[in-house]
Amino acid sequence: MWLPRLLNATEKQRKDWELIGSGVGIHWEEIDEDISVASLLNPEKFMRLANDALHPTPVRALPRPPRIPSAREKRPRRRG
């Protein structure tokens, strides 16, 4: 499983946990980590695995919005 905060925590920090949400999740106060029990039982459905973290899906660039003319460009020219 890919749980970097728990991986990098000390043994003392990992042991200091509490059940939250009537047993729906686990919380580690000192390392600010919350994990649902469902994700622990079925990690492929809920968690990003280590391989995904090493090779993230590339983000596609969004197309540029059309250029909006400035107020100066919109004003009609005066004739002489």
C-alpha atoms as a PDB file:
ATOM      1  CA  MET A   1       0.000   0.000   0.000  1.00  0.00           C
ATOM      2  CA  TRP A   2       1.103   3.553  -0.657  1.00  0.00           C
ATOM      3  CA  LEU A   3       0.781   5.458   2.606  1.00  0.00           C
ATOM      4  CA  PRO A   4       3.699   7.922   2.608  1.00  0.00           C
ATOM      5  CA  ARG A   5       2.804   9.674   5.867  1.00  0.00           C
ATOM      6  CA  LEU A   6       2.665   6.374   7.716  1.00  0.00           C
ATOM      7  CA  LEU A   7       5.765   5.121   5.946  1.00  0.00           C
ATOM      8  CA  ASN A   8       7.722   8.203   7.021  1.00  0.00           C
ATOM      9  CA  ALA A   9       6.262   8.308  10.561  1.00  0.00           C
ATOM     10  CA  THR A  10       8.097   7.027  13.596  1.00  0.00           C
ATOM     11  CA  GLU A  11       6.917   3.837  15.272  1.00  0.00           C
ATOM     12  CA  LYS A  12       5.564   5.928  18.155  1.00  0.00           C
ATOM     13  CA  GLN A  13       3.546   8.099  15.694  1.00  0.00           C
ATOM     14  CA  ARG A  14       2.134   5.018  13.930  1.00  0.00           C
ATOM     15  CA  LYS A  15       1.007   3.507  17.242  1.00  0.00           C
ATOM     16  CA  ASP A  16      -0.880   6.690  18.244  1.00  0.00           C
ATOM     17  CA  TRP A  17      -4.153   6.234  16.318  1.00  0.00           C
ATOM     18  CA  GLU A  18      -7.891   6.364  16.995  1.00  0.00           C
ATOM     19  CA  LEU A  19     -11.042   5.108  15.293  1.00  0.00           C
ATOM     20  CA  ILE A  20     -13.163   7.874  13.770  1.00  0.00           C
ATOM     21  CA  GLY A  21     -16.652   8.055  12.300  1.00  0.00           C
ATOM     22  CA  SER A  22     -18.022   5.212  14.433  1.00  0.00           C
ATOM     23  CA  GLY A  23     -15.305   2.904  13.142  1.00  0.00           C
ATOM     24  CA  VAL A  24     -15.401   3.995   9.496  1.00  0.00           C
ATOM     25  CA  GLY A  25     -11.826   5.284   9.553  1.00  0.00           C
ATOM     26  CA  ILE A  26      -8.555   5.559  11.430  1.00  0.00           C
ATOM     27  CA  HIS A  27      -6.929   8.869  12.370  1.00  0.00           C
ATOM     28  CA  TRP A  28      -3.317   9.637  13.290  1.00  0.00           C
ATOM     29  CA  GLU A  29      -3.344  13.093  14.914  1.00  0.00           C
ATOM     30  CA  GLU A  30       0.390  13.799  14.991  1.00  0.00           C
ATOM     31  CA  ILE A  31       0.943  13.030  11.298  1.00  0.00           C
ATOM     32  CA  ASP A  32      -2.460  14.383  10.182  1.00  0.00           C
ATOM     33  CA  GLU A  33      -3.529  11.199   8.390  1.00  0.00           C
ATOM     34  CA  ASP A  34      -6.995   9.704   7.969  1.00  0.00           C
ATOM     35  CA  ILE A  35      -7.615   6.392   6.236  1.00  0.00           C
ATOM     36  CA  SER A  36     -10.945   4.669   5.744  1.00  0.00           C
ATOM     37  CA  VAL A  37     -11.261   1.048   6.771  1.00  0.00           C
ATOM     38  CA  ALA A  38     -12.776   0.333   3.322  1.00  0.00           C
ATOM     39  CA  SER A  39      -9.595   1.556   1.628  1.00  0.00           C
ATOM     40  CA  LEU A  40      -7.489  -0.716   3.827  1.00  0.00           C
ATOM     41  CA  LEU A  41      -9.665  -3.723   2.969  1.00  0.00           C
ATOM     42  CA  ASN A  42      -9.879  -2.897  -0.756  1.00  0.00           C
ATOM     43  CA  PRO A  43      -6.874  -0.651  -1.605  1.00  0.00           C
ATOM     44  CA  GLU A  44      -7.060  -1.009  -5.399  1.00  0.00           C
ATOM     45  CA  LYS A  45     -10.469   0.670  -5.321  1.00  0.00           C
ATOM     46  CA  PHE A  46      -9.625   3.581  -3.043  1.00  0.00           C
ATOM     47  CA  MET A  47      -5.908   4.239  -2.900  1.00  0.00           C
ATOM     48  CA  ARG A  48      -3.209   5.258  -5.314  1.00  0.00           C
ATOM     49  CA  LEU A  49      -0.636   2.508  -5.297  1.00  0.00           C
ATOM     50  CA  ALA A  50       3.117   3.197  -5.317  1.00  0.00           C
ATOM     51  CA  ASN A  51       3.492   2.465  -9.032  1.00  0.00           C
ATOM     52  CA  ASP A  52       0.863   5.107  -9.853  1.00  0.00           C
ATOM     53  CA  ALA A  53       2.700   7.651  -7.726  1.00  0.00           C
ATOM     54  CA  LEU A  54       5.960   6.985  -9.556  1.00  0.00           C
ATOM     55  CA  HIS A  55       4.302   7.204 -12.989  1.00  0.00           C
ATOM     56  CA  PRO A  56       1.426   9.689 -12.718  1.00  0.00           C
ATOM     57  CA  THR A  57      -1.030  10.128 -15.533  1.00  0.00           C
ATOM     58  CA  PRO A  58       0.099  13.068 -17.687  1.00  0.00           C
ATOM     59  CA  VAL A  59      -2.063  16.159 -17.484  1.00  0.00           C
ATOM     60  CA  ARG A  60      -3.327  17.478 -20.793  1.00  0.00           C
ATOM     61  CA  ALA A  61      -3.078  21.207 -21.368  1.00  0.00           C
ATOM     62  CA  LEU A  62      -6.382  22.977 -21.764  1.00  0.00           C
ATOM     63  CA  PRO A  63      -6.972  24.964 -24.964  1.00  0.00           C
ATOM     64  CA  ARG A  64      -6.466  28.701 -24.708  1.00  0.00           C
ATOM     65  CA  PRO A  65      -9.643  30.745 -24.466  1.00  0.00           C
ATOM     66  CA  PRO A  66     -10.324  33.149 -27.339  1.00  0.00           C
ATOM     67  CA  ARG A  67      -8.748  36.583 -26.994  1.00  0.00           C
ATOM     68  CA  ILE A  68     -11.175  39.249 -25.802  1.00  0.00           C
ATOM     69  CA  PRO A  69     -10.582  42.640 -27.412  1.00  0.00           C
ATOM     70  CA  SER A  70      -9.898  45.519 -25.038  1.00  0.00           C
ATOM     71  CA  ALA A  71     -12.333  48.423 -24.649  1.00  0.00           C
ATOM     72  CA  ARG A  72     -10.008  50.601 -26.754  1.00  0.00           C
ATOM     73  CA  GLU A  73     -10.127  48.117 -29.618  1.00  0.00           C
ATOM     74  CA  LYS A  74     -13.936  47.948 -29.475  1.00  0.00           C
ATOM     75  CA  ARG A  75     -14.553  51.736 -29.755  1.00  0.00           C
ATOM     76  CA  PRO A  76     -15.363  53.009 -33.232  1.00  0.00           C
ATOM     77  CA  ARG A  77     -12.908  55.542 -34.600  1.00  0.00           C
ATOM     78  CA  ARG A  78     -13.979  59.138 -34.997  1.00  0.00           C
ATOM     79  CA  ARG A  79     -13.743  60.691 -38.361  1.00  0.00           C
ATOM     80  CA  GLY A  80     -12.335  64.054 -38.610  1.00  0.00           C
END
